[in-house]
Amino acid sequence: MEIKPCPFCGGVNITIVTMRYGVKIKCFDCGANISSVKDNGEYRTLANARKRHEKKAIEAWNRRINRWN
């Protein structure tokens, strides 16, 4: 799944960071970030859980609201 540019600054210096209890997407151009839902460490033992968290975080990051319609 592709990550769109930052919704705040348009930057493309974006990375996915694995944390102890989830996944975070961060823009290094402006510092904006979004985290996946925590799951009490489930992803550490199940590779599929980490992928689910990554997918949720990317979907949230890529979501845009069209304010002009």
C-alpha atoms as a PDB file:
ATOM      1  CA  MET A   1       0.000   0.000   0.000  1.00  0.00           C
ATOM      2  CA  GLU A   2       1.422   3.360  -1.031  1.00  0.00           C
ATOM      3  CA  ILE A   3       1.710   6.257   1.422  1.00  0.00           C
ATOM      4  CA  LYS A   4       0.495   9.636   0.158  1.00  0.00           C
ATOM      5  CA  PRO A   5       2.472  12.844   0.799  1.00  0.00           C
ATOM      6  CA  CYS A   6       1.935  14.570   4.134  1.00  0.00           C
ATOM      7  CA  PRO A   7      -1.590  16.032   4.394  1.00  0.00           C
ATOM      8  CA  PHE A   8      -0.232  19.083   6.232  1.00  0.00           C
ATOM      9  CA  CYS A   9       2.931  20.128   4.401  1.00  0.00           C
ATOM     10  CA  GLY A  10       2.894  17.986   1.246  1.00  0.00           C
ATOM     11  CA  GLY A  11       6.258  16.506   2.210  1.00  0.00           C
ATOM     12  CA  VAL A  12       7.375  13.097   1.036  1.00  0.00           C
ATOM     13  CA  ASN A  13      10.016  12.434   3.713  1.00  0.00           C
ATOM     14  CA  ILE A  14       7.710   9.944   5.457  1.00  0.00           C
ATOM     15  CA  THR A  15       8.532   6.749   7.313  1.00  0.00           C
ATOM     16  CA  ILE A  16       6.745   3.926   9.111  1.00  0.00           C
ATOM     17  CA  VAL A  17       8.070   3.382  12.625  1.00  0.00           C
ATOM     18  CA  THR A  18       7.387   0.150  14.511  1.00  0.00           C
ATOM     19  CA  MET A  19       6.725   0.838  18.168  1.00  0.00           C
ATOM     20  CA  ARG A  20       6.314  -1.573  21.056  1.00  0.00           C
ATOM     21  CA  TYR A  21       2.521  -1.543  20.823  1.00  0.00           C
ATOM     22  CA  GLY A  22       1.769  -0.498  17.269  1.00  0.00           C
ATOM     23  CA  VAL A  23       2.900   1.388  14.211  1.00  0.00           C
ATOM     24  CA  LYS A  24       3.425   5.114  13.640  1.00  0.00           C
ATOM     25  CA  ILE A  25       3.680   7.017  10.372  1.00  0.00           C
ATOM     26  CA  LYS A  26       5.727  10.198  10.640  1.00  0.00           C
ATOM     27  CA  CYS A  27       6.530  13.084   8.310  1.00  0.00           C
ATOM     28  CA  PHE A  28      10.091  14.227   8.936  1.00  0.00           C
ATOM     29  CA  ASP A  29       9.479  17.476   7.055  1.00  0.00           C
ATOM     30  CA  CYS A  30       6.918  18.922   9.505  1.00  0.00           C
ATOM     31  CA  GLY A  31       6.661  16.351  12.325  1.00  0.00           C
ATOM     32  CA  ALA A  32       3.055  15.297  11.683  1.00  0.00           C
ATOM     33  CA  ASN A  33       2.356  11.720  12.730  1.00  0.00           C
ATOM     34  CA  ILE A  34      -0.397   9.176  13.224  1.00  0.00           C
ATOM     35  CA  SER A  35      -0.358   5.934  15.210  1.00  0.00           C
ATOM     36  CA  SER A  36      -2.276   2.704  14.810  1.00  0.00           C
ATOM     37  CA  VAL A  37      -4.554   1.393  17.548  1.00  0.00           C
ATOM     38  CA  LYS A  38      -2.682  -0.236  20.415  1.00  0.00           C
ATOM     39  CA  ASP A  39      -3.326  -3.912  21.013  1.00  0.00           C
ATOM     40  CA  ASN A  40      -1.449  -4.820  24.207  1.00  0.00           C
ATOM     41  CA  GLY A  41       1.573  -6.096  22.300  1.00  0.00           C
ATOM     42  CA  GLU A  42      -0.249  -8.595  20.094  1.00  0.00           C
ATOM     43  CA  TYR A  43       1.759  -7.575  17.011  1.00  0.00           C
ATOM     44  CA  ARG A  44       5.021  -8.639  18.658  1.00  0.00           C
ATOM     45  CA  THR A  45       4.011 -12.276  18.454  1.00  0.00           C
ATOM     46  CA  LEU A  46       1.855 -12.246  15.326  1.00  0.00           C
ATOM     47  CA  ALA A  47       3.314 -10.936  12.081  1.00  0.00           C
ATOM     48  CA  ASN A  48      -0.189 -10.544  10.653  1.00  0.00           C
ATOM     49  CA  ALA A  49      -1.186  -8.222  13.497  1.00  0.00           C
ATOM     50  CA  ARG A  50       1.701  -5.870  12.663  1.00  0.00           C
ATOM     51  CA  LYS A  51       0.605  -5.852   9.035  1.00  0.00           C
ATOM     52  CA  ARG A  52      -2.960  -4.994  10.128  1.00  0.00           C
ATOM     53  CA  HIS A  53      -1.650  -2.097  12.216  1.00  0.00           C
ATOM     54  CA  GLU A  54       0.480  -0.858   9.352  1.00  0.00           C
ATOM     55  CA  LYS A  55      -2.484  -1.039   6.975  1.00  0.00           C
ATOM     56  CA  LYS A  56      -4.749   0.864   9.429  1.00  0.00           C
ATOM     57  CA  ALA A  57      -2.142   3.576   9.938  1.00  0.00           C
ATOM     58  CA  ILE A  58      -1.564   3.981   6.183  1.00  0.00           C
ATOM     59  CA  GLU A  59      -5.319   4.143   5.517  1.00  0.00           C
ATOM     60  CA  ALA A  60      -5.705   6.843   8.171  1.00  0.00           C
ATOM     61  CA  TRP A  61      -2.682   8.775   6.846  1.00  0.00           C
ATOM     62  CA  ASN A  62      -3.974   8.615   3.276  1.00  0.00           C
ATOM     63  CA  ARG A  63      -7.511   9.725   4.199  1.00  0.00           C
ATOM     64  CA  ARG A  64      -8.306  13.201   2.889  1.00  0.00           C
ATOM     65  CA  ILE A  65     -11.367  15.376   3.365  1.00  0.00           C
ATOM     66  CA  ASN A  66     -12.513  17.405   0.383  1.00  0.00           C
ATOM     67  CA  ARG A  67     -13.536  20.655   2.069  1.00  0.00           C
ATOM     68  CA  TRP A  68     -14.612  22.415  -1.105  1.00  0.00           C
ATOM     69  CA  ASN A  69     -17.642  20.286  -2.059  1.00  0.00           C
END
